[in-house]
Protein backbone atom coordinates (compact mmCIF):
# COMPACT_ATOMS: atom_id res chain seq x y z
CA MET A 1 10.58 -2.47 -13.63
CA GLU A 2 11.34 0.64 -15.70
CA PRO A 3 13.21 -1.31 -18.41
CA ILE A 4 10.24 -3.65 -18.75
CA LEU A 5 7.83 -0.75 -19.12
CA ARG A 6 10.11 1.01 -21.61
CA GLY A 7 10.22 -2.19 -23.64
CA LEU A 8 6.43 -2.27 -23.78
CA VAL A 9 5.99 1.28 -25.11
CA TRP A 10 6.03 0.00 -28.70
CA LEU A 11 2.75 -1.82 -27.93
CA LEU A 12 0.98 1.51 -27.53
CA PRO A 13 -0.78 3.02 -30.52
CA ALA A 14 1.63 5.37 -32.34
CA ARG A 15 -0.30 8.50 -31.31
CA LEU A 16 0.00 7.54 -27.61
CA ARG A 17 3.72 6.70 -27.58
CA PRO A 18 4.82 10.33 -27.05
CA LEU A 19 2.85 10.26 -23.77
CA ALA A 20 5.18 7.56 -22.43
CA THR A 21 7.75 10.02 -21.11
CA ASP A 22 10.60 9.04 -18.80
CA ALA A 23 8.86 10.73 -15.87
CA ARG A 24 5.56 8.90 -16.47
CA ILE A 25 7.31 5.56 -16.89
CA ARG A 26 9.20 6.17 -13.63
CA VAL A 27 5.96 6.95 -11.77
CA LEU A 28 4.19 3.94 -13.27
CA SER A 29 7.15 1.75 -12.31
CA GLU A 30 7.07 3.07 -8.75
CA PHE A 31 3.31 2.52 -8.59
CA ALA A 32 3.69 -1.09 -9.75
CA MET A 33 6.45 -1.69 -7.20
CA PHE A 34 4.40 0.06 -4.49
CA GLY A 35 1.47 -2.21 -5.37
CA THR A 36 3.68 -5.29 -5.16
CA VAL A 37 4.89 -4.21 -1.73
CA GLY A 38 1.25 -3.55 -0.83
CA LEU A 39 0.39 -7.13 -1.72
CA PHE A 40 3.05 -8.30 0.72
CA GLY A 41 1.58 -5.92 3.31
CA MET A 42 -1.89 -7.32 2.68
CA ILE A 43 -0.55 -10.82 3.40
CA LEU A 44 1.01 -9.56 6.66
CA ASP A 45 -2.23 -7.76 7.47
CA THR A 46 -4.35 -10.85 6.84
CA ALA A 47 -2.07 -13.19 8.79
CA THR A 48 -2.06 -10.81 11.77
CA VAL A 49 -5.86 -10.41 11.78
CA TYR A 50 -6.40 -14.15 11.61
CA ALA A 51 -3.81 -14.74 14.36
CA LEU A 52 -5.28 -12.14 16.73
CA ARG A 53 -9.02 -12.10 16.06
CA GLY A 54 -9.76 -14.86 18.57
CA THR A 55 -8.09 -13.02 21.46
CA MET A 56 -8.56 -9.36 20.51
CA GLY A 57 -11.67 -9.30 18.33
CA LEU A 58 -11.86 -8.17 14.72
CA TYR A 59 -11.56 -4.42 15.34
CA ALA A 60 -8.50 -4.42 17.62
CA ALA A 61 -6.87 -7.13 15.51
CA GLY A 62 -7.47 -4.94 12.45
CA VAL A 63 -5.72 -1.96 14.04
CA VAL A 64 -2.72 -4.00 15.20
CA ALA A 65 -2.52 -5.70 11.81
CA TYR A 66 -2.47 -2.35 10.04
CA GLY A 67 0.52 -1.28 12.14
CA VAL A 68 2.37 -4.50 11.35
CA ALA A 69 1.59 -4.24 7.63
CA ALA A 70 2.39 -0.51 7.43
CA THR A 71 5.77 -1.08 9.07
CA GLY A 72 6.56 -3.93 6.68
CA ASN A 73 5.46 -1.83 3.71
CA TRP A 74 7.58 1.12 4.81
CA ALA A 75 10.66 -1.10 5.14
CA LEU A 76 10.20 -2.69 1.70
CA ASN A 77 9.35 0.59 0.01
CA ARG A 78 12.45 2.12 1.61
CA VAL A 79 14.81 -0.54 0.26
CA TRP A 80 13.10 -1.34 -3.06
CA THR A 81 10.44 1.01 -4.45
CA PHE A 82 12.01 4.31 -3.36
CA ARG A 83 15.59 3.14 -2.72
CA GLY A 84 17.90 6.04 -1.94
CA GLN A 85 15.12 8.62 -1.69
CA GLY A 86 13.87 10.51 1.34
CA GLY A 87 16.99 10.35 3.50
CA GLY A 88 17.29 11.07 7.16
CA PRO A 89 17.09 8.77 10.13
CA ALA A 90 15.03 5.64 9.53
CA HIS A 91 12.82 6.18 12.59
CA ARG A 92 11.84 9.66 11.36
CA GLN A 93 11.09 8.37 7.88
CA TRP A 94 8.99 5.56 9.40
CA ALA A 95 7.06 8.12 11.47
CA ARG A 96 6.54 10.32 8.35
CA PHE A 97 5.32 7.25 6.45
CA LEU A 98 2.76 6.44 9.14
CA ALA A 99 1.66 10.09 9.40
CA ALA A 100 1.41 10.56 5.64
CA ASN A 101 -0.62 7.39 5.32
CA LEU A 102 -3.24 8.34 7.92
CA VAL A 103 -5.69 9.30 5.16
CA GLY A 104 -5.11 5.96 3.48
CA PHE A 105 -5.46 4.32 6.90
CA MET A 106 -8.88 5.92 7.37
CA LEU A 107 -10.01 4.76 3.94
CA ASN A 108 -8.49 1.31 4.46
CA ARG A 109 -9.74 0.62 7.98
CA GLY A 110 -13.00 2.50 7.44
CA THR A 111 -13.82 0.14 4.59
CA TYR A 112 -12.66 -2.81 6.71
CA ALA A 113 -14.85 -1.77 9.67
CA ILE A 114 -17.93 -1.18 7.51
CA LEU A 115 -17.59 -4.55 5.81
CA VAL A 116 -16.93 -6.65 8.93
CA THR A 117 -19.84 -4.88 10.65
CA TRP A 118 -22.44 -5.06 7.89
CA LEU A 119 -21.39 -7.98 5.70
CA PRO A 120 -21.57 -11.30 7.58
CA VAL A 121 -19.31 -13.07 5.08
CA ALA A 122 -16.61 -10.41 5.67
CA ALA A 123 -16.87 -10.96 9.43
CA GLU A 124 -16.43 -14.70 8.87
CA GLU A 125 -13.63 -14.22 6.33
CA PRO A 126 -11.96 -10.87 7.12
CA VAL A 127 -9.64 -11.20 4.12
CA ILE A 128 -12.55 -9.84 2.04
CA ALA A 129 -12.59 -6.62 4.09
CA ILE A 130 -8.79 -6.45 4.13
CA ILE A 131 -8.57 -6.61 0.32
CA ALA A 132 -11.30 -4.00 -0.14
CA GLY A 133 -9.65 -1.68 2.40
CA SER A 134 -6.25 -2.08 0.79
CA ILE A 135 -7.60 -1.10 -2.60
CA MET A 136 -9.36 1.95 -1.15
CA GLY A 137 -6.19 3.27 0.51
CA MET A 138 -3.55 2.37 -2.09
CA ALA A 139 -3.68 5.34 -4.46
CA VAL A 140 -3.77 7.87 -1.62
CA ASN A 141 -0.91 6.14 0.19
CA PHE A 142 1.20 6.05 -2.98
CA HIS A 143 0.71 9.74 -3.69
CA LEU A 144 1.44 10.83 -0.13
CA SER A 145 4.42 8.48 0.17
CA ARG A 146 5.97 9.95 -2.99
CA ARG A 147 5.31 13.55 -1.94
CA MET A 148 5.95 13.49 1.79
CA VAL A 149 8.13 10.50 2.69
CA PHE A 150 10.34 9.37 -0.20
CA ARG A 151 11.02 12.68 -1.95
């Protein structure tokens, strides 16, 4: 991802090109990769909610689905986005990832709960609430993952 972004720097206006430092390109690359992994997590999240909503209800299915998606996201971020960073035993890193992302979880599932409660179309099609929640938690999760988990 970094080589692609470096190759696009010339598209910036000349006065902005000096702002495209190696460190900023690295962070932008990580953010793009984190977002790609997040898209995969959103698919896992959605599939789990749809699979469980009939037996568990929307709220419990949403909590279980978040755990499934967060675990999948941690694994992919560990091997792709932040490969080789944040060593230590995998189970401890996974626990740090879940702990660090609690704020993002609250934003994500808070948005989800509000929408499935107050927006009938979101209760009928929970993917609407899942997408909105994912967007709300993404930036916070990225920042905390970089600072606390994969450092």
